[in-house]
């Protein structure tokens, strides 16, 4: 069994399935609802665990009652928590999400980790004991930089989930083995995928992928460009698909080459979109 460390955002997600999002000054009755821990690193950790690994999530939790709901959900999926601010009394971020029943598209309103940053002193040297792979989601820059330096000394590879560009990421890039980013990831002065590939290559990254929803994944691997097809499905819910992709990628990259890992992760993420919520796909995994 492999162990992955996932560092970043932990939220509580309130997820509703509805015929459509409400318009201005309108109420909509949901068809279904569910509550789960969320955030890019969090969902990736759950996916990594669901695929048969040991997942450790480092983030800000604290003592608030909402943090206990997050802990309970993660315990159910065997994700171990490292609380980087155990004395924090404020509420963790809460996200409200509406999934459109006919298309699986989601609308999200949330608060990110800007109000819950920790400094590098929060990192214990033992955090990397027995860890095989690390994922950063970019929401804890100072802590990520500290862990990256520790990981480098132990030859532990790092994946960057590039959902969107965040100030300070340039400090982490020199330590990263794989960048898997979305179409919304725009480093400084980058407006298209060619510029993103060029920027990340100049930062010393030789394995780069850009996911584009249901469109083929574009990649650059050791100087060679290519694309990976994504399975076409009827989506029930696209919420968390990118996060699940990253967790699955961490699982597969430990046993496959870059392009095969991208392909296998794309299948896992597509399968997750067949079900409402971010957890049901795990219960439907084939043994």
Protein backbone atom coordinates (compact mmCIF):
# COMPACT_ATOMS: atom_id res chain seq x y z
CA UNK A 1 0.00 0.00 0.00
CA UNK A 2 1.27 3.45 -0.96
CA UNK A 3 0.93 6.55 1.21
CA UNK A 4 0.08 9.97 -0.19
CA UNK A 5 0.25 13.34 1.57
CA UNK A 6 -2.27 15.91 0.35
CA UNK A 7 -1.79 19.51 1.46
CA UNK A 8 -4.34 22.24 0.96
CA UNK A 9 -7.94 23.29 1.32
CA UNK A 10 -10.55 21.53 3.47
CA UNK A 11 -14.13 22.79 3.27
CA UNK A 12 -17.60 21.56 4.10
CA UNK A 13 -19.62 21.19 0.89
CA UNK A 14 -23.40 21.56 0.95
CA UNK A 15 -24.44 20.02 -2.38
CA UNK A 16 -27.89 20.30 -3.93
CA UNK A 17 -29.30 18.63 -7.04
CA UNK A 18 -31.87 20.84 -8.76
CA UNK A 19 -33.55 21.37 -12.12
CA UNK A 20 -31.65 24.67 -12.42
CA UNK A 21 -29.82 27.20 -10.24
CA UNK A 22 -32.04 29.90 -8.74
CA UNK A 23 -32.33 33.22 -10.49
CA UNK A 24 -32.27 36.54 -8.72
CA UNK A 25 -34.72 36.67 -5.78
CA UNK A 26 -35.92 33.14 -6.57
CA UNK A 27 -36.27 29.97 -4.49
CA UNK A 28 -35.66 26.52 -5.95
CA UNK A 29 -36.63 23.20 -4.34
CA UNK A 30 -33.80 20.66 -4.54
CA UNK A 31 -34.37 17.15 -5.90
CA UNK A 32 -31.63 15.73 -3.65
CA UNK A 33 -28.86 16.94 -1.35
CA UNK A 34 -25.75 15.68 0.37
CA UNK A 35 -23.01 17.01 2.65
CA UNK A 36 -19.33 16.08 2.32
CA UNK A 37 -15.87 17.40 3.04
CA UNK A 38 -14.55 19.27 0.01
CA UNK A 39 -11.66 21.21 -1.44
CA UNK A 40 -9.15 20.11 -4.10
CA UNK A 41 -6.63 18.39 -1.81
CA UNK A 42 -9.43 16.89 0.28
CA UNK A 43 -11.30 15.28 -2.60
CA UNK A 44 -7.99 14.08 -4.07
CA UNK A 45 -7.10 12.44 -0.74
CA UNK A 46 -10.49 10.69 -0.61
CA UNK A 47 -10.02 9.42 -4.18
CA UNK A 48 -6.49 8.18 -3.43
CA UNK A 49 -7.81 6.34 -0.38
CA UNK A 50 -10.79 4.98 -2.31
CA UNK A 51 -8.41 3.41 -4.83
CA UNK A 52 -6.78 1.38 -2.08
CA UNK A 53 -4.03 3.60 -0.69
CA UNK A 54 -3.29 5.34 2.60
CA UNK A 55 -4.16 9.05 2.39
CA UNK A 56 -3.03 11.78 4.77
CA UNK A 57 -4.62 15.25 4.49
CA UNK A 58 -2.76 18.23 5.93
CA UNK A 59 -4.87 21.35 6.29
CA UNK A 60 -6.57 23.76 8.66
CA UNK A 61 -9.38 22.24 10.71
CA UNK A 62 -9.49 23.53 14.30
CA UNK A 63 -12.14 23.09 16.96
CA UNK A 64 -15.27 24.58 15.35
CA UNK A 65 -18.34 22.31 15.09
CA UNK A 66 -18.15 22.41 11.28
CA UNK A 67 -14.62 21.02 11.48
CA UNK A 68 -16.05 18.01 13.31
CA UNK A 69 -18.41 17.34 10.38
CA UNK A 70 -15.41 17.44 8.00
CA UNK A 71 -13.47 15.07 10.25
CA UNK A 72 -16.37 12.62 10.45
CA UNK A 73 -16.73 12.43 6.67
CA UNK A 74 -13.00 11.92 6.15
CA UNK A 75 -12.88 9.23 8.84
CA UNK A 76 -15.53 7.30 6.92
CA UNK A 77 -13.18 7.25 3.90
CA UNK A 78 -10.07 6.39 5.94
CA UNK A 79 -8.32 9.71 5.36
CA UNK A 80 -5.96 10.58 8.20
CA UNK A 81 -5.84 14.26 9.18
CA UNK A 82 -2.90 16.45 10.15
CA UNK A 83 -4.32 19.68 11.57
CA UNK A 84 -1.97 22.58 10.86
CA UNK A 85 -3.92 24.91 13.19
CA UNK A 86 -5.39 22.68 15.92
CA UNK A 87 -6.27 25.60 18.19
CA UNK A 88 -8.25 27.52 15.56
CA UNK A 89 -11.80 28.35 16.71
CA UNK A 90 -13.12 29.92 13.50
CA UNK A 91 -15.27 27.96 11.09
CA UNK A 92 -13.56 26.21 8.18
CA UNK A 93 -14.74 27.43 4.74
CA UNK A 94 -18.22 26.29 3.69
CA UNK A 95 -19.20 25.87 0.02
CA UNK A 96 -22.73 25.84 -1.35
CA UNK A 97 -23.07 23.98 -4.64
CA UNK A 98 -26.00 23.53 -7.01
CA UNK A 99 -25.79 20.74 -9.58
CA UNK A 100 -28.10 21.04 -12.59
CA UNK A 101 -29.91 17.73 -12.97
CA UNK A 102 -30.10 17.61 -16.78
CA UNK A 103 -26.44 18.42 -17.51
CA UNK A 104 -24.41 17.69 -14.36
CA UNK A 105 -23.00 21.24 -14.49
CA UNK A 106 -22.31 22.83 -11.13
CA UNK A 107 -22.48 26.34 -9.69
CA UNK A 108 -20.32 26.98 -6.61
CA UNK A 109 -20.04 29.78 -4.07
CA UNK A 110 -17.36 29.43 -1.42
CA UNK A 111 -14.60 31.01 0.62
CA UNK A 112 -11.11 29.69 -0.12
CA UNK A 113 -8.10 29.39 2.20
CA UNK A 114 -7.12 33.08 2.15
CA UNK A 115 -8.36 33.51 5.74
CA UNK A 116 -6.72 30.34 7.03
CA UNK A 117 -3.09 30.48 5.92
CA UNK A 118 -0.49 28.81 8.13
CA UNK A 119 3.20 29.60 8.23
CA UNK A 120 6.01 27.14 7.71
CA UNK A 121 6.50 26.74 11.47
CA UNK A 122 3.32 24.62 11.52
CA UNK A 123 5.16 21.81 9.70
CA UNK A 124 6.52 18.96 11.77
CA UNK A 125 9.61 17.23 10.37
CA UNK A 126 7.90 13.84 10.81
CA UNK A 127 5.09 14.73 8.39
CA UNK A 128 6.80 12.86 5.54
CA UNK A 129 7.38 9.57 7.34
CA UNK A 130 6.61 6.69 4.93
CA UNK A 131 5.12 9.05 2.29
CA UNK A 132 5.46 7.93 -1.37
CA UNK A 133 3.90 10.92 -3.15
CA UNK A 134 2.74 14.45 -2.29
CA UNK A 135 0.04 16.65 -3.82
CA UNK A 136 -0.26 20.43 -3.33
CA UNK A 137 -3.42 22.27 -4.38
CA UNK A 138 -1.79 25.70 -4.03
CA UNK A 139 -3.95 26.88 -1.13
CA UNK A 140 -1.18 26.77 1.52
CA UNK A 141 1.88 28.33 -0.10
CA UNK A 142 4.19 28.74 2.92
CA UNK A 143 3.48 25.25 4.23
CA UNK A 144 3.85 23.80 0.72
CA UNK A 145 7.26 25.44 0.32
CA UNK A 146 8.46 23.99 3.62
CA UNK A 147 7.20 20.50 2.78
CA UNK A 148 8.66 20.74 -0.74
CA UNK A 149 12.13 21.39 0.66
CA UNK A 150 11.77 18.45 3.06
CA UNK A 151 10.50 16.23 0.23
CA UNK A 152 13.42 17.12 -1.98
CA UNK A 153 15.87 15.91 0.67
CA UNK A 154 13.95 12.60 0.84
CA UNK A 155 13.41 12.20 -2.94
CA UNK A 156 9.61 12.18 -2.57
CA UNK A 157 7.91 13.29 -5.83
CA UNK A 158 5.36 16.12 -5.85
CA UNK A 159 2.23 16.68 -7.95
CA UNK A 160 0.81 20.19 -8.31
CA UNK A 161 -2.93 20.49 -8.81
CA UNK A 162 -3.11 23.70 -10.84
CA UNK A 163 -6.75 24.64 -10.58
CA UNK A 164 -5.96 28.35 -10.89
CA UNK A 165 -2.79 30.41 -10.56
CA UNK A 166 -2.13 31.58 -7.01
CA UNK A 167 0.53 34.13 -6.03
CA UNK A 168 3.55 32.33 -4.58
CA UNK A 169 3.25 29.19 -6.70
CA UNK A 170 6.45 30.22 -8.47
CA UNK A 171 8.30 29.37 -5.21
CA UNK A 172 7.00 25.80 -5.31
CA UNK A 173 7.44 24.97 -9.00
CA UNK A 174 11.19 24.15 -8.79
CA UNK A 175 10.33 21.22 -6.50
CA UNK A 176 7.46 19.77 -8.57
CA UNK A 177 7.71 16.60 -10.67
CA UNK A 178 4.27 16.75 -12.35
CA UNK A 179 1.92 19.67 -12.95
CA UNK A 180 -1.65 18.72 -13.83
CA UNK A 181 -3.59 21.94 -14.35
CA UNK A 182 -6.93 23.09 -15.66
CA UNK A 183 -7.74 25.37 -18.56
CA UNK A 184 -8.22 28.12 -15.94
CA UNK A 185 -4.58 27.96 -14.81
CA UNK A 186 -2.95 31.16 -16.06
CA UNK A 187 0.54 31.96 -14.75
CA UNK A 188 1.70 35.58 -15.19
CA UNK A 189 1.46 36.75 -18.84
CA UNK A 190 -0.03 33.41 -19.97
CA UNK A 191 -3.24 33.51 -22.01
CA UNK A 192 -3.22 30.15 -23.75
CA UNK A 193 -2.00 26.58 -23.35
CA UNK A 194 1.18 27.12 -25.40
CA UNK A 195 2.23 29.93 -23.08
CA UNK A 196 1.41 27.81 -20.02
CA UNK A 197 3.53 24.93 -21.34
CA UNK A 198 6.37 27.39 -22.06
CA UNK A 199 6.15 29.02 -18.61
CA UNK A 200 6.16 25.69 -16.73
CA UNK A 201 8.91 24.25 -18.94
CA UNK A 202 11.06 27.31 -18.19
CA UNK A 203 10.47 26.62 -14.49
CA UNK A 204 12.08 23.20 -15.00
CA UNK A 205 8.95 21.02 -15.18
CA UNK A 206 9.15 18.25 -17.77
CA UNK A 207 5.75 16.58 -17.18
CA UNK A 208 2.81 18.94 -17.73
CA UNK A 209 -0.85 18.22 -18.46
CA UNK A 210 -3.79 20.55 -19.05
CA UNK A 211 -7.23 19.07 -18.44
CA UNK A 212 -10.14 20.57 -20.37
CA UNK A 213 -13.30 18.91 -19.07
CA UNK A 214 -14.62 16.41 -21.59
CA UNK A 215 -12.11 17.56 -24.23
CA UNK A 216 -8.79 15.68 -24.75
CA UNK A 217 -6.06 16.34 -22.19
CA UNK A 218 -3.09 18.19 -23.65
CA UNK A 219 0.33 17.21 -22.33
CA UNK A 220 4.02 17.90 -22.65
CA UNK A 221 6.24 15.03 -21.53
CA UNK A 222 10.02 15.41 -21.71
CA UNK A 223 9.76 17.73 -24.72
CA UNK A 224 7.06 15.81 -26.62
CA UNK A 225 3.55 17.18 -27.04
CA UNK A 226 0.49 14.95 -27.24
CA UNK A 227 -3.10 14.46 -26.16
CA UNK A 228 -5.09 11.88 -24.20
CA UNK A 229 -8.75 11.19 -24.96
CA UNK A 230 -11.30 11.51 -22.15
CA UNK A 231 -14.16 8.97 -21.92
CA UNK A 232 -17.43 10.48 -23.12
CA UNK A 233 -20.28 9.92 -20.69
CA UNK A 234 -23.68 11.32 -19.74
CA UNK A 235 -22.67 13.31 -16.66
CA UNK A 236 -24.94 13.34 -13.63
CA UNK A 237 -22.62 15.60 -11.61
CA UNK A 238 -19.25 17.12 -12.58
CA UNK A 239 -18.53 18.45 -9.07
CA UNK A 240 -15.07 17.44 -7.86
CA UNK A 241 -14.16 15.64 -11.09
CA UNK A 242 -10.87 17.53 -11.38
CA UNK A 243 -10.00 16.83 -7.74
CA UNK A 244 -10.80 13.13 -8.18
CA UNK A 245 -8.67 13.15 -11.34
CA UNK A 246 -5.70 14.41 -9.28
CA UNK A 247 -6.18 11.81 -6.55
CA UNK A 248 -6.42 9.06 -9.17
CA UNK A 249 -3.36 10.45 -10.96
CA UNK A 250 -1.36 10.18 -7.72
CA UNK A 251 -2.46 6.53 -7.52
CA UNK A 252 -1.62 5.63 -11.11
CA UNK A 253 1.62 7.59 -11.55
CA UNK A 254 3.22 5.34 -8.92
CA UNK A 255 2.67 2.36 -11.24
CA UNK A 256 2.38 3.71 -14.83
CA UNK A 257 4.11 6.17 -17.15
CA UNK A 258 2.83 9.74 -17.48
CA UNK A 259 0.44 9.30 -20.41
CA UNK A 260 -1.00 6.01 -19.12
CA UNK A 261 -1.52 7.56 -15.69
CA UNK A 262 -3.36 10.49 -17.29
CA UNK A 263 -5.57 8.09 -19.24
CA UNK A 264 -6.40 5.95 -16.19
CA UNK A 265 -7.10 9.04 -14.06
CA UNK A 266 -9.39 10.41 -16.77
CA UNK A 267 -11.42 7.18 -16.68
CA UNK A 268 -11.75 7.37 -12.89
CA UNK A 269 -12.80 11.03 -13.01
CA UNK A 270 -15.32 10.34 -15.79
CA UNK A 271 -16.78 7.42 -13.82
CA UNK A 272 -17.20 9.71 -10.80
CA UNK A 273 -19.37 12.07 -12.90
CA UNK A 274 -21.99 9.34 -13.36
CA UNK A 275 -23.16 9.80 -9.77
CA UNK A 276 -24.52 12.69 -7.70
CA UNK A 277 -22.05 13.98 -5.13
CA UNK A 278 -18.32 13.38 -4.76
CA UNK A 279 -18.42 10.04 -2.91
CA UNK A 280 -20.92 7.70 -4.57
CA UNK A 281 -18.44 6.58 -7.26
CA UNK A 282 -16.24 4.95 -4.60
CA UNK A 283 -19.12 2.78 -3.42
CA UNK A 284 -19.64 1.67 -7.02
CA UNK A 285 -16.01 0.77 -7.73
CA UNK A 286 -15.57 -2.67 -9.28
CA UNK A 287 -13.67 -4.98 -6.90
